[in-house]
Amino acid sequence: MVKHGISLVEAARRLGVSQSQLYLALQKGQIATFRTDGRSVISSGALRDYQTRNRPQSTYRL
């Protein structure tokens, strides 16, 4: 079974954050990674989960 993932550089670009901010989130365990071919990658599902958890909350009230 071959696992494909998103590179850390690409993940930072998709999230719209710097690589430093992404590495901090990784160190805090906020985004799960796995290793493949000797490099760390992020699954698209883990990236989506992180985006959902960190979506800005609207302050708009009816």
C-alpha atoms as a PDB file:
ATOM      1  CA  MET A   1       0.000   0.000   0.000  1.00  0.00           C
ATOM      2  CA  VAL A   2       1.467   3.327  -1.073  1.00  0.00           C
ATOM      3  CA  LYS A   3       0.553   6.375   0.967  1.00  0.00           C
ATOM      4  CA  HIS A   4       0.548   9.691  -0.823  1.00  0.00           C
ATOM      5  CA  GLY A   5       0.595  12.958   0.997  1.00  0.00           C
ATOM      6  CA  ILE A   6       1.099  16.677   0.683  1.00  0.00           C
ATOM      7  CA  SER A   7       4.573  18.116   1.187  1.00  0.00           C
ATOM      8  CA  LEU A   8       5.041  20.489   4.094  1.00  0.00           C
ATOM      9  CA  VAL A   9       5.825  23.340   1.690  1.00  0.00           C
ATOM     10  CA  GLU A  10       2.610  22.699  -0.253  1.00  0.00           C
ATOM     11  CA  ALA A  11       0.596  22.360   2.975  1.00  0.00           C
ATOM     12  CA  ALA A  12       1.828  25.770   4.175  1.00  0.00           C
ATOM     13  CA  ARG A  13       0.848  27.272   0.818  1.00  0.00           C
ATOM     14  CA  ARG A  14      -2.642  25.722   0.931  1.00  0.00           C
ATOM     15  CA  LEU A  15      -3.183  26.965   4.477  1.00  0.00           C
ATOM     16  CA  GLY A  16      -1.911  30.432   3.626  1.00  0.00           C
ATOM     17  CA  VAL A  17       0.654  30.390   6.440  1.00  0.00           C
ATOM     18  CA  SER A  18       4.427  30.572   6.572  1.00  0.00           C
ATOM     19  CA  GLN A  19       6.437  27.384   6.839  1.00  0.00           C
ATOM     20  CA  SER A  20       7.479  28.468  10.340  1.00  0.00           C
ATOM     21  CA  GLN A  21       3.828  28.669  11.415  1.00  0.00           C
ATOM     22  CA  LEU A  22       3.184  25.241   9.927  1.00  0.00           C
ATOM     23  CA  TYR A  23       6.173  23.726  11.746  1.00  0.00           C
ATOM     24  CA  LEU A  24       4.904  25.175  15.031  1.00  0.00           C
ATOM     25  CA  ALA A  25       1.510  23.536  14.457  1.00  0.00           C
ATOM     26  CA  LEU A  26       3.278  20.248  13.694  1.00  0.00           C
ATOM     27  CA  GLN A  27       5.384  20.484  16.862  1.00  0.00           C
ATOM     28  CA  LYS A  28       2.246  21.134  18.934  1.00  0.00           C
ATOM     29  CA  GLY A  29       0.641  18.017  17.419  1.00  0.00           C
ATOM     30  CA  GLN A  30      -2.154  19.999  15.784  1.00  0.00           C
ATOM     31  CA  ILE A  31      -1.555  18.330  12.399  1.00  0.00           C
ATOM     32  CA  ALA A  32      -0.726  14.654  11.988  1.00  0.00           C
ATOM     33  CA  THR A  33       2.128  13.713   9.666  1.00  0.00           C
ATOM     34  CA  PHE A  34       3.599  10.478   8.412  1.00  0.00           C
ATOM     35  CA  ARG A  35       6.892   9.591   6.761  1.00  0.00           C
ATOM     36  CA  THR A  36       7.166   8.244   3.253  1.00  0.00           C
ATOM     37  CA  ASP A  37      10.329   7.846   1.219  1.00  0.00           C
ATOM     38  CA  GLY A  38      12.285   9.460   4.052  1.00  0.00           C
ATOM     39  CA  ARG A  39      10.274  12.689   4.200  1.00  0.00           C
ATOM     40  CA  SER A  40       7.425  13.972   6.328  1.00  0.00           C
ATOM     41  CA  VAL A  41       4.127  14.545   4.570  1.00  0.00           C
ATOM     42  CA  ILE A  42       0.588  15.418   5.592  1.00  0.00           C
ATOM     43  CA  SER A  43      -2.486  13.555   4.414  1.00  0.00           C
ATOM     44  CA  SER A  44      -5.147  15.647   2.732  1.00  0.00           C
ATOM     45  CA  GLY A  45      -7.611  14.495   5.402  1.00  0.00           C
ATOM     46  CA  ALA A  46      -5.377  15.733   8.233  1.00  0.00           C
ATOM     47  CA  LEU A  47      -4.999  19.077   6.460  1.00  0.00           C
ATOM     48  CA  ARG A  48      -8.794  19.387   6.039  1.00  0.00           C
ATOM     49  CA  ASP A  49      -9.356  18.512   9.703  1.00  0.00           C
ATOM     50  CA  TYR A  50      -6.891  21.199  10.794  1.00  0.00           C
ATOM     51  CA  GLN A  51      -8.560  23.780   8.525  1.00  0.00           C
ATOM     52  CA  THR A  52     -11.970  22.920   9.965  1.00  0.00           C
ATOM     53  CA  ARG A  53     -10.774  23.165  13.571  1.00  0.00           C
ATOM     54  CA  ASN A  54      -9.023  26.487  12.951  1.00  0.00           C
ATOM     55  CA  ARG A  55     -11.661  28.182  10.835  1.00  0.00           C
ATOM     56  CA  PRO A  56     -12.240  31.716  12.141  1.00  0.00           C
ATOM     57  CA  GLN A  57     -15.452  32.021  14.080  1.00  0.00           C
ATOM     58  CA  SER A  58     -17.840  34.667  12.826  1.00  0.00           C
ATOM     59  CA  THR A  59     -18.770  37.398  15.260  1.00  0.00           C
ATOM     60  CA  TYR A  60     -21.891  38.159  13.259  1.00  0.00           C
ATOM     61  CA  ARG A  61     -25.091  37.781  15.284  1.00  0.00           C
ATOM     62  CA  LEU A  62     -28.684  38.002  14.179  1.00  0.00           C
END
